[in-house]
């Protein structure tokens, strides 16, 4: 079952990505891709620093609100690892697994940390939804009501899950199978942590969340301009990016790859961009933005892990030399 939960989303994601790549394989595509890379790689690389900084700040603050105190080095190692794998199926939750191991967190703290990671997706949705409702996508009058319906459906699912968990918690007995008990307890802890984040303090994280989302929209806008498309305003780019964000969060397939590309392709085509050019824009956005994130996060990860290793060795030496 565990293998299927990873394999199926991965196959779907790669299939969608292959579809966009096929559309992008026009004769002039290589030249367009090279032009985009030459004109935007430095801008995207520089913008990735504040992007990662804002995301790290939001995650750290949410962890603090849930009472999870961890050393900054362990937090950075876990965060950068999650950023490097977040495009993979459920890859963003790698940071929670690593945080638990590095900081020696107990199971309930690991579960609460996954709530913090999930809350970041909720904050992004809270910002992206009104943007797409206001800006919209040409030729898609149904989009606004569809998005509202999907959001409402997710809220209904959360309420039903909360009711079901409360029901099961009060009926756990000595005869309940251990694996069922663990699932119910984990779900209860996750939902309890979510309730703890329903505060005004959490709403303050909308500011850094909006900042890092705006940075990604600026990257997308730079790529669109680099390929020679000047008929789309920056406000409309915000709408396109908001649609991509909501598609990834609301579609029940735990991966960014494929869903982002197909959604972005459709939105750009709706604005009159040729399909091959739109595909090149989206693939360039994926390659450059994700590549810069992996490069910077990977470099930070290597530096901080080396410091952790040196500190660990120093501690061992001090303990051995003490009488």
Protein backbone atom coordinates (compact mmCIF):
# COMPACT_ATOMS: atom_id res chain seq x y z
CA UNK A 1 0.00 0.00 0.00
CA UNK A 2 2.82 2.41 0.89
CA UNK A 3 4.54 1.75 -2.43
CA UNK A 4 1.33 2.52 -4.35
CA UNK A 5 0.84 5.84 -2.56
CA UNK A 6 4.22 6.92 -3.93
CA UNK A 7 4.26 5.15 -7.29
CA UNK A 8 0.79 6.18 -8.51
CA UNK A 9 1.25 9.95 -7.92
CA UNK A 10 4.73 9.74 -9.43
CA UNK A 11 3.45 8.01 -12.57
CA UNK A 12 0.65 10.57 -12.95
CA UNK A 13 3.08 13.46 -12.40
CA UNK A 14 5.61 12.15 -14.92
CA UNK A 15 2.82 11.55 -17.44
CA UNK A 16 1.62 15.15 -17.13
CA UNK A 17 5.18 16.44 -17.32
CA UNK A 18 5.82 14.34 -20.43
CA UNK A 19 2.71 15.83 -22.05
CA UNK A 20 3.94 19.39 -21.48
CA UNK A 21 7.44 18.45 -22.64
CA UNK A 22 6.00 16.98 -25.84
CA UNK A 23 4.18 20.22 -26.59
CA UNK A 24 7.38 22.16 -25.92
CA UNK A 25 9.40 20.10 -28.39
CA UNK A 26 8.97 22.51 -31.31
CA UNK A 27 11.85 23.39 -33.63
CA UNK A 28 12.49 26.80 -32.05
CA UNK A 29 12.12 25.57 -28.47
CA UNK A 30 15.83 24.98 -27.81
CA UNK A 31 16.65 28.55 -28.81
CA UNK A 32 13.84 29.95 -26.63
CA UNK A 33 14.95 27.89 -23.67
CA UNK A 34 18.54 29.12 -24.07
CA UNK A 35 17.37 32.73 -24.36
CA UNK A 36 15.28 32.45 -21.21
CA UNK A 37 18.14 30.88 -19.27
CA UNK A 38 20.61 33.60 -20.35
CA UNK A 39 18.27 36.46 -19.44
CA UNK A 40 16.80 35.20 -16.21
CA UNK A 41 19.11 32.73 -14.44
CA UNK A 42 20.91 35.37 -12.36
CA UNK A 43 17.67 37.13 -11.35
CA UNK A 44 16.07 33.84 -10.36
CA UNK A 45 19.17 32.75 -8.44
CA UNK A 46 19.27 36.00 -6.45
CA UNK A 47 15.52 35.96 -5.75
CA UNK A 48 15.74 32.40 -4.45
CA UNK A 49 17.65 33.59 -1.36
CA UNK A 50 14.82 35.75 0.06
CA UNK A 51 12.30 33.15 -1.14
CA UNK A 52 13.91 30.42 0.95
CA UNK A 53 14.47 32.80 3.85
CA UNK A 54 10.78 33.75 4.00
CA UNK A 55 9.66 30.12 3.76
CA UNK A 56 12.06 29.10 6.53
CA UNK A 57 10.78 31.94 8.72
CA UNK A 58 7.15 30.87 8.31
CA UNK A 59 7.92 27.23 9.11
CA UNK A 60 10.03 28.21 12.15
CA UNK A 61 7.31 30.50 13.52
CA UNK A 62 4.63 27.84 13.09
CA UNK A 63 6.82 25.28 14.86
CA UNK A 64 7.33 27.75 17.70
CA UNK A 65 3.57 28.26 18.02
CA UNK A 66 3.12 24.50 18.39
CA UNK A 67 5.71 24.34 21.15
CA UNK A 68 8.40 22.64 19.06
CA UNK A 69 11.76 24.07 20.10
CA UNK A 70 14.68 22.82 18.02
CA UNK A 71 18.27 24.07 17.52
CA UNK A 72 18.58 26.25 14.43
CA UNK A 73 21.13 24.01 12.71
CA UNK A 74 18.88 20.95 12.91
CA UNK A 75 15.98 23.06 11.71
CA UNK A 76 17.96 24.36 8.71
CA UNK A 77 19.11 20.87 7.73
CA UNK A 78 15.54 19.56 7.83
CA UNK A 79 14.12 22.59 6.01
CA UNK A 80 16.64 22.61 3.18
CA UNK A 81 16.19 18.87 2.68
CA UNK A 82 12.43 19.37 2.38
CA UNK A 83 12.92 22.19 -0.14
CA UNK A 84 15.08 19.95 -2.30
CA UNK A 85 12.48 17.17 -2.36
CA UNK A 86 9.20 19.11 -2.23
CA UNK A 87 8.42 18.55 -5.92
CA UNK A 88 8.33 14.79 -5.39
CA UNK A 89 5.23 12.98 -4.09
CA UNK A 90 4.75 14.17 -0.48
CA UNK A 91 8.38 15.35 -0.64
CA UNK A 92 7.76 18.46 1.44
CA UNK A 93 7.15 16.23 4.48
CA UNK A 94 10.72 14.93 4.30
CA UNK A 95 11.61 17.92 6.48
CA UNK A 96 9.37 16.65 9.26
CA UNK A 97 10.92 13.18 9.24
CA UNK A 98 14.45 14.60 9.31
CA UNK A 99 13.55 17.15 11.98
CA UNK A 100 12.26 14.36 14.19
CA UNK A 101 15.46 12.36 13.80
CA UNK A 102 17.92 15.23 14.09
CA UNK A 103 16.23 16.89 17.07
CA UNK A 104 15.20 13.55 18.64
CA UNK A 105 11.57 14.60 18.75
CA UNK A 106 8.94 12.32 20.20
CA UNK A 107 6.23 11.02 17.90
CA UNK A 108 3.61 13.57 18.93
CA UNK A 109 6.05 16.43 18.17
CA UNK A 110 6.80 14.98 14.73
CA UNK A 111 3.08 14.82 14.02
CA UNK A 112 2.64 18.42 15.17
CA UNK A 113 5.51 19.48 12.90
CA UNK A 114 3.65 17.98 9.93
CA UNK A 115 0.72 20.18 10.91
CA UNK A 116 3.03 23.21 10.64
CA UNK A 117 4.09 22.11 7.15
CA UNK A 118 0.49 21.57 6.11
CA UNK A 119 -0.48 24.94 7.58
CA UNK A 120 1.95 26.58 5.16
CA UNK A 121 -0.12 25.15 2.31
CA UNK A 122 -3.23 26.54 3.99
CA UNK A 123 -1.69 30.01 4.19
CA UNK A 124 -0.75 29.85 0.51
CA UNK A 125 -4.30 28.85 -0.40
CA UNK A 126 -5.69 31.68 1.72
CA UNK A 127 -3.66 34.14 -0.36
CA UNK A 128 -4.00 32.50 -3.78
CA UNK A 129 -7.79 31.98 -3.67
CA UNK A 130 -8.85 35.67 -3.57
CA UNK A 131 -6.22 36.50 -6.20
CA UNK A 132 -7.61 34.00 -8.72
CA UNK A 133 -11.20 34.94 -7.82
CA UNK A 134 -10.47 38.59 -8.65
CA UNK A 135 -8.14 38.16 -11.63
CA UNK A 136 -9.65 35.00 -13.13
CA UNK A 137 -8.57 33.21 -16.30
CA UNK A 138 -9.91 34.19 -19.76
CA UNK A 139 -12.53 31.86 -21.18
CA UNK A 140 -13.03 30.08 -17.86
CA UNK A 141 -16.04 31.66 -16.14
CA UNK A 142 -16.62 28.34 -14.40
CA UNK A 143 -13.27 28.51 -12.61
CA UNK A 144 -14.35 30.74 -9.72
CA UNK A 145 -17.34 28.60 -8.75
CA UNK A 146 -15.35 25.40 -9.23
CA UNK A 147 -12.61 26.62 -6.89
CA UNK A 148 -15.14 27.74 -4.28
CA UNK A 149 -16.85 24.36 -4.55
CA UNK A 150 -13.57 22.46 -4.14
CA UNK A 151 -12.56 24.55 -1.14
CA UNK A 152 -15.97 24.00 0.44
CA UNK A 153 -15.66 20.26 -0.22
CA UNK A 154 -12.27 20.17 1.52
CA UNK A 155 -13.72 22.02 4.51
CA UNK A 156 -16.55 19.49 4.69
CA UNK A 157 -14.01 16.64 4.55
CA UNK A 158 -12.02 18.20 7.40
CA UNK A 159 -15.15 18.54 9.54
CA UNK A 160 -16.15 14.93 8.84
CA UNK A 161 -12.64 13.70 9.65
CA UNK A 162 -12.69 15.69 12.90
CA UNK A 163 -16.06 14.14 13.84
CA UNK A 164 -14.88 10.65 12.89
CA UNK A 165 -11.66 10.98 14.90
CA UNK A 166 -13.49 12.24 17.99
CA UNK A 167 -15.92 9.34 17.61
CA UNK A 168 -13.12 6.78 17.37
CA UNK A 169 -11.09 8.30 20.23
CA UNK A 170 -13.94 7.69 22.69
CA UNK A 171 -14.30 4.10 21.51
CA UNK A 172 -10.71 2.96 21.69
CA UNK A 173 -10.51 0.03 24.05
CA UNK A 174 -8.06 -2.64 25.07
CA UNK A 175 -9.29 -4.81 22.23
CA UNK A 176 -8.56 -2.20 19.55
CA UNK A 177 -5.76 -3.22 17.20
CA UNK A 178 -2.49 -1.39 17.84
CA UNK A 179 -2.22 -0.05 14.30
CA UNK A 180 -5.73 1.42 14.50
CA UNK A 181 -4.96 3.03 17.82
CA UNK A 182 -1.82 4.63 16.36
CA UNK A 183 -3.72 6.02 13.38
CA UNK A 184 -6.46 7.51 15.56
CA UNK A 185 -3.98 9.01 18.01
CA UNK A 186 -1.90 10.49 15.17
CA UNK A 187 -4.99 11.99 13.54
CA UNK A 188 -6.14 13.45 16.86
CA UNK A 189 -2.73 15.03 17.47
CA UNK A 190 -2.62 16.43 13.95
CA UNK A 191 -6.08 18.00 14.26
CA UNK A 192 -5.35 19.31 17.76
CA UNK A 193 -2.22 21.02 16.46
CA UNK A 194 -4.26 22.50 13.63
CA UNK A 195 -6.72 23.92 16.16
CA UNK A 196 -3.79 25.44 18.08
CA UNK A 197 -2.79 27.33 14.92
CA UNK A 198 -6.20 28.98 14.53
CA UNK A 199 -4.99 32.20 16.16
CA UNK A 200 -4.24 35.79 15.22
CA UNK A 201 -0.55 35.00 15.65
CA UNK A 202 -0.77 32.58 12.74
CA UNK A 203 -2.40 35.24 10.57
CA UNK A 204 0.79 37.29 10.89
CA UNK A 205 2.54 34.62 8.83
CA UNK A 206 0.44 35.69 5.86
CA UNK A 207 2.91 38.54 5.32
CA UNK A 208 6.09 36.44 4.78
CA UNK A 209 3.97 33.88 2.92
CA UNK A 210 2.76 36.58 0.53
CA UNK A 211 6.35 37.76 0.12
CA UNK A 212 7.75 34.41 -0.99
CA UNK A 213 4.75 33.79 -3.24
CA UNK A 214 5.22 37.22 -4.81
CA UNK A 215 8.88 36.38 -5.41
CA UNK A 216 7.92 33.27 -7.36
CA UNK A 217 5.42 35.29 -9.40
CA UNK A 218 8.20 37.77 -10.23
CA UNK A 219 10.33 34.86 -11.45
CA UNK A 220 7.50 33.65 -13.69
CA UNK A 221 6.96 37.17 -15.02
CA UNK A 222 10.67 37.51 -15.86
CA UNK A 223 10.56 34.27 -17.85
CA UNK A 224 7.42 35.36 -19.71
CA UNK A 225 9.09 38.67 -20.69
CA UNK A 226 12.31 36.90 -21.69
CA UNK A 227 10.51 34.80 -24.28
CA UNK A 228 8.97 37.92 -25.81
CA UNK A 229 5.42 37.72 -24.46
CA UNK A 230 4.37 41.24 -23.48
CA UNK A 231 0.59 40.92 -23.75
CA UNK A 232 0.18 39.61 -20.20
CA UNK A 233 0.26 42.11 -17.33
CA UNK A 234 1.90 41.38 -14.00
CA UNK A 235 -1.52 41.24 -12.33
CA UNK A 236 -2.50 38.53 -14.79
CA UNK A 237 0.75 36.71 -14.01
CA UNK A 238 -0.30 36.76 -10.37
CA UNK A 239 -3.55 35.09 -11.41
CA UNK A 240 -1.69 32.42 -13.39
CA UNK A 241 0.62 31.69 -10.49
CA UNK A 242 -2.31 31.60 -8.06
CA UNK A 243 -4.03 29.03 -10.28
CA UNK A 244 -0.88 26.88 -10.28
CA UNK A 245 -0.60 27.07 -6.49
CA UNK A 246 -4.24 26.14 -5.92
CA UNK A 247 -4.07 23.27 -8.42
CA UNK A 248 -1.15 21.73 -6.53
CA UNK A 249 -2.80 22.17 -3.12
CA UNK A 250 -6.41 21.31 -3.93
CA UNK A 251 -5.96 18.45 -6.41
CA UNK A 252 -5.67 15.26 -4.27
CA UNK A 253 -2.40 14.12 -5.88
CA UNK A 254 0.54 14.69 -3.50
CA UNK A 255 3.06 16.09 -5.99
CA UNK A 256 3.97 19.39 -7.65
CA UNK A 257 5.48 17.91 -10.81
CA UNK A 258 3.05 17.67 -13.69
CA UNK A 259 0.12 19.46 -12.04
CA UNK A 260 2.01 22.76 -11.97
CA UNK A 261 3.06 22.43 -15.59
CA UNK A 262 -0.36 21.46 -16.98
CA UNK A 263 -2.15 24.21 -15.04
CA UNK A 264 0.35 26.87 -16.08
CA UNK A 265 0.22 25.71 -19.68
CA UNK A 266 -3.57 25.95 -19.80
CA UNK A 267 -3.60 29.41 -18.18
CA UNK A 268 -1.00 30.83 -20.57
CA UNK A 269 -2.80 29.41 -23.60
CA UNK A 270 -6.01 31.02 -22.33
CA UNK A 271 -4.19 34.38 -22.56
CA UNK A 272 -3.36 33.74 -26.20
CA UNK A 273 0.19 32.44 -25.81
CA UNK A 274 1.04 29.75 -28.43
CA UNK A 275 1.02 26.27 -26.89
CA UNK A 276 4.68 25.53 -27.65
CA UNK A 277 5.79 28.89 -26.22
CA UNK A 278 3.59 28.42 -23.15
CA UNK A 279 5.09 24.99 -22.57
CA UNK A 280 8.61 26.41 -22.85
CA UNK A 281 7.75 29.12 -20.31
CA UNK A 282 6.42 26.61 -17.80
CA UNK A 283 9.27 24.13 -18.26
CA UNK A 284 11.80 26.96 -17.93
CA UNK A 285 10.05 28.08 -14.75
CA UNK A 286 10.28 24.54 -13.37
CA UNK A 287 13.92 24.02 -14.38
CA UNK A 288 15.27 27.42 -13.31
CA UNK A 289 13.26 27.99 -10.12
CA UNK A 290 13.55 24.42 -8.88
CA UNK A 291 17.19 24.24 -9.96
CA UNK A 292 18.09 27.41 -8.07
CA UNK A 293 16.28 26.13 -4.99
CA UNK A 294 18.13 22.81 -5.10
CA UNK A 295 21.47 24.56 -5.68
CA UNK A 296 21.14 27.02 -2.79
CA UNK A 297 19.40 24.64 -0.39
CA UNK A 298 21.94 21.92 -1.18
CA UNK A 299 24.85 24.26 -0.53
CA UNK A 300 23.39 25.43 2.78
CA UNK A 301 22.68 21.82 3.70
CA UNK A 302 26.29 20.77 3.12
CA UNK A 303 27.64 23.70 5.15
CA UNK A 304 25.32 23.23 8.12
CA UNK A 305 25.69 19.44 8.15
CA UNK A 306 29.47 19.87 8.28
CA UNK A 307 29.10 22.21 11.25
CA UNK A 308 26.82 19.70 12.96
CA UNK A 309 29.36 16.95 12.41
CA UNK A 310 32.21 19.09 13.75
CA UNK A 311 30.18 20.11 16.81
CA UNK A 312 29.30 16.47 17.45
CA UNK A 313 32.96 15.42 17.22
CA UNK A 314 33.99 18.28 19.52
CA UNK A 315 31.40 17.24 22.10
CA UNK A 316 32.61 13.64 21.98
CA UNK A 317 36.24 14.71 22.50
CA UNK A 318 35.32 16.94 25.44
CA UNK A 319 33.34 14.16 27.10
CA UNK A 320 36.23 11.70 26.68
CA UNK A 321 38.83 14.09 28.12
CA UNK A 322 36.79 14.99 31.18
CA UNK A 323 37.83 13.08 34.33
